[in-house]
Amino acid sequence: MKINRIVFFLISTIFILASCEDDVLVKPSAMLRLDYPQPDYRTINTDCPYSFEMNENATMVKKNNCGLNITYPHMRATLYITYQNVQNNNLDSLLQDAQKLAYDHTIKANSIPEQPFVNPDKKVYGMFYMINGNAATQAEFYATDSTNHFLNGALYFDAKPNFDSIYPAVIYLREDIRKLMETITWE
């Protein structure tokens, strides 16, 4: 009986030690490649006092008070745009609100680089915020003619923020926002 236990112990030990050896498997290095269609832009004329060029891969829904939702269904992202009239010297408060909305994300953001935008020929002045990190939004902007019109926009994804995973889509959509800002015309 004692010999059976010793034999059982030795055989069990051999199996345990033999099973612990891992074969080395070299995996090739790879990166996720996300290809997005080349953007084609068309001018969007709304019944509002502004127009701009929008990516044809996106869809637009007009909201109340000349606000818009520009949706990118394949990326599960939406650019929410609000429009307000500049009146009674409220430009300062509109600018402060837009800046506050962008900087409310500093808790989760790694950085928030600003990119001023100035087009005196079309009277478009604004700021583009690139919000880097696991914040709720990845880009915000505002544009104004400083006398009558004020646009504010924020990009949101329909997913939990994970900047590493959505980074290729963020880069693509930031270029769309830049194009939108560059092509704004006021009526």
Protein backbone atom coordinates (compact mmCIF):
# COMPACT_ATOMS: atom_id res chain seq x y z
CA MET A 1 0.00 0.00 0.00
CA LYS A 2 2.87 2.28 0.88
CA ILE A 3 4.59 1.43 -2.42
CA ASN A 4 1.43 2.29 -4.37
CA ARG A 5 1.36 5.71 -2.74
CA ILE A 6 5.00 6.33 -3.56
CA VAL A 7 4.52 5.21 -7.16
CA PHE A 8 1.38 7.36 -7.46
CA PHE A 9 3.24 10.35 -5.99
CA LEU A 10 6.18 9.91 -8.36
CA ILE A 11 3.99 9.50 -11.44
CA SER A 12 1.88 12.53 -10.44
CA THR A 13 5.00 14.61 -9.86
CA ILE A 14 6.40 13.64 -13.27
CA PHE A 15 3.13 14.57 -15.01
CA ILE A 16 2.93 17.90 -13.18
CA LEU A 17 6.51 18.80 -13.98
CA ALA A 18 6.19 17.69 -17.59
CA SER A 19 3.00 19.69 -18.10
CA CYS A 20 4.53 22.91 -16.79
CA GLU A 21 6.87 23.28 -19.71
CA ASP A 22 5.61 25.86 -22.23
CA ASP A 23 6.58 25.74 -25.84
CA VAL A 24 7.89 29.06 -27.05
CA LEU A 25 5.66 30.42 -29.78
CA VAL A 26 6.90 33.52 -31.55
CA LYS A 27 4.02 35.70 -32.66
CA PRO A 28 4.45 38.12 -35.52
CA SER A 29 4.08 41.77 -34.63
CA ALA A 30 0.88 43.23 -35.96
CA MET A 31 -1.17 46.36 -35.67
CA LEU A 32 -4.85 46.89 -36.20
CA ARG A 33 -5.46 48.58 -39.52
CA LEU A 34 -8.64 50.55 -39.89
CA ASP A 35 -9.28 51.97 -43.32
CA TYR A 36 -11.88 54.65 -43.73
CA PRO A 37 -13.22 55.80 -47.08
CA GLN A 38 -11.64 58.82 -48.70
CA PRO A 39 -13.90 61.73 -47.75
CA ASP A 40 -15.92 63.48 -50.43
CA TYR A 41 -17.39 66.77 -49.31
CA ARG A 42 -20.54 68.53 -50.41
CA THR A 43 -21.94 71.89 -49.38
CA ILE A 44 -24.77 71.67 -46.88
CA ASN A 45 -27.31 74.43 -47.16
CA THR A 46 -29.61 74.52 -44.19
CA ASP A 47 -32.49 76.90 -43.61
CA CYS A 48 -30.20 78.54 -41.10
CA PRO A 49 -27.87 81.52 -41.47
CA TYR A 50 -24.79 79.36 -42.13
CA SER A 51 -23.56 76.66 -44.49
CA PHE A 52 -20.48 74.45 -44.72
CA GLU A 53 -19.08 71.39 -46.45
CA MET A 54 -19.83 67.99 -44.94
CA ASN A 55 -18.43 64.51 -45.55
CA GLU A 56 -20.79 62.48 -47.76
CA ASN A 57 -20.16 59.43 -45.55
CA ALA A 58 -22.06 61.19 -42.76
CA THR A 59 -25.75 61.90 -42.30
CA MET A 60 -27.24 65.10 -40.96
CA VAL A 61 -30.32 65.67 -38.80
CA LYS A 62 -31.49 69.21 -38.25
CA LYS A 63 -32.55 70.05 -34.69
CA ASN A 64 -34.39 72.98 -33.19
CA ASN A 65 -32.86 76.46 -33.28
CA CYS A 66 -30.60 75.60 -36.24
CA GLY A 67 -28.66 72.92 -34.36
CA LEU A 68 -27.43 69.85 -36.24
CA ASN A 69 -26.37 66.30 -35.48
CA ILE A 70 -23.88 64.95 -37.99
CA THR A 71 -23.71 61.19 -37.56
CA TYR A 72 -21.01 58.81 -38.77
CA PRO A 73 -22.83 55.46 -38.53
CA HIS A 74 -19.84 53.23 -39.40
CA MET A 75 -17.78 54.82 -36.63
CA ARG A 76 -20.65 55.13 -34.16
CA ALA A 77 -19.86 58.82 -33.69
CA THR A 78 -21.88 62.03 -33.74
CA LEU A 79 -20.85 65.66 -34.07
CA TYR A 80 -23.38 67.76 -32.16
CA ILE A 81 -23.56 71.35 -33.41
CA THR A 82 -25.47 74.17 -31.74
CA TYR A 83 -26.17 77.59 -33.20
CA GLN A 84 -26.82 80.78 -31.29
CA ASN A 85 -27.31 84.40 -32.29
CA VAL A 86 -24.84 86.91 -30.97
CA GLN A 87 -27.00 89.58 -29.40
CA ASN A 88 -26.94 92.09 -26.57
CA ASN A 89 -23.16 91.80 -26.29
CA ASN A 90 -23.34 88.13 -25.25
CA LEU A 91 -20.29 87.05 -27.29
CA ASP A 92 -18.09 86.97 -24.18
CA SER A 93 -20.45 84.61 -22.37
CA LEU A 94 -20.79 82.39 -25.47
CA LEU A 95 -16.99 82.16 -25.74
CA GLN A 96 -16.62 81.41 -22.03
CA ASP A 97 -19.28 78.69 -22.22
CA ALA A 98 -17.57 77.07 -25.23
CA GLN A 99 -14.18 77.15 -23.52
CA LYS A 100 -15.65 75.78 -20.30
CA LEU A 101 -17.29 72.90 -22.20
CA ALA A 102 -13.92 71.95 -23.69
CA TYR A 103 -11.98 72.26 -20.44
CA ASP A 104 -14.57 70.37 -18.38
CA HIS A 105 -12.85 67.27 -19.78
CA THR A 106 -9.48 67.96 -18.12
CA ILE A 107 -10.30 65.37 -15.45
CA LYS A 108 -9.99 62.49 -17.94
CA ALA A 109 -7.99 64.16 -20.73
CA ASN A 110 -4.24 63.75 -21.04
CA SER A 111 -3.97 67.03 -22.93
CA ILE A 112 -6.16 69.57 -24.72
CA PRO A 113 -4.18 71.29 -27.48
CA GLU A 114 -5.89 74.35 -28.95
CA GLN A 115 -5.77 75.36 -32.58
CA PRO A 116 -7.00 78.88 -33.36
CA PHE A 117 -8.86 79.37 -36.62
CA VAL A 118 -9.00 82.73 -38.40
CA ASN A 119 -10.45 83.37 -41.85
CA PRO A 120 -10.95 87.15 -42.21
CA ASP A 121 -12.17 86.83 -45.82
CA LYS A 122 -15.22 84.81 -44.72
CA LYS A 123 -15.35 86.45 -41.27
CA VAL A 124 -14.95 83.13 -39.48
CA TYR A 125 -13.02 83.10 -36.21
CA GLY A 126 -12.83 80.19 -33.85
CA MET A 127 -10.96 77.61 -31.85
CA PHE A 128 -10.51 73.88 -32.33
CA TYR A 129 -9.84 71.74 -29.24
CA MET A 130 -8.26 68.30 -29.66
CA ILE A 131 -9.04 66.41 -26.47
CA ASN A 132 -6.57 63.57 -26.03
CA GLY A 133 -7.25 60.76 -23.57
CA ASN A 134 -10.22 58.82 -22.28
CA ALA A 135 -12.52 61.83 -22.09
CA ALA A 136 -16.17 61.75 -23.13
CA THR A 137 -15.49 63.90 -26.20
CA GLN A 138 -12.45 63.83 -28.45
CA ALA A 139 -12.85 67.18 -30.19
CA GLU A 140 -14.73 70.43 -29.67
CA PHE A 141 -14.83 73.67 -31.62
CA TYR A 142 -16.50 77.01 -31.87
CA ALA A 143 -16.76 79.44 -34.77
CA THR A 144 -18.21 82.94 -34.92
CA ASP A 145 -18.29 86.06 -37.04
CA SER A 146 -18.08 87.99 -33.73
CA THR A 147 -21.17 90.09 -34.51
CA ASN A 148 -24.18 87.89 -35.36
CA HIS A 149 -23.45 84.14 -35.45
CA PHE A 150 -21.98 81.55 -33.08
CA LEU A 151 -21.52 77.80 -33.73
CA ASN A 152 -20.34 75.32 -31.13
CA GLY A 153 -19.64 71.63 -31.78
CA ALA A 154 -18.61 68.52 -29.86
CA LEU A 155 -17.69 65.04 -31.11
CA TYR A 156 -18.94 62.02 -29.16
CA PHE A 157 -18.61 58.28 -29.75
CA ASP A 158 -21.35 55.80 -28.85
CA ALA A 159 -18.91 53.75 -26.80
CA LYS A 160 -17.03 53.89 -23.53
CA PRO A 161 -14.05 56.21 -24.05
CA ASN A 162 -10.91 54.24 -24.84
CA PHE A 163 -8.61 56.61 -26.68
CA ASP A 164 -6.23 53.91 -27.94
CA SER A 165 -9.05 51.98 -29.59
CA ILE A 166 -10.81 54.91 -31.24
CA TYR A 167 -7.69 56.90 -32.17
CA PRO A 168 -7.82 56.18 -35.96
CA ALA A 169 -11.47 57.29 -36.07
CA VAL A 170 -10.65 60.36 -33.98
CA ILE A 171 -7.96 61.47 -36.44
CA TYR A 172 -10.33 60.97 -39.39
CA LEU A 173 -13.16 62.91 -37.74
CA ARG A 174 -10.91 65.74 -36.57
CA GLU A 175 -10.02 66.33 -40.22
CA ASP A 176 -13.73 66.49 -41.03
CA ILE A 177 -14.24 69.09 -38.31
CA ARG A 178 -11.34 71.15 -39.66
CA LYS A 179 -12.89 70.99 -43.14
CA LEU A 180 -16.23 72.08 -41.69
CA MET A 181 -14.60 75.07 -39.98
CA GLU A 182 -12.65 76.03 -43.10
CA THR A 183 -15.79 76.07 -45.27
CA ILE A 184 -18.27 77.87 -42.98
CA THR A 185 -20.03 80.78 -44.65
CA TRP A 186 -22.48 83.10 -42.94
CA GLU A 187 -25.62 84.44 -44.57
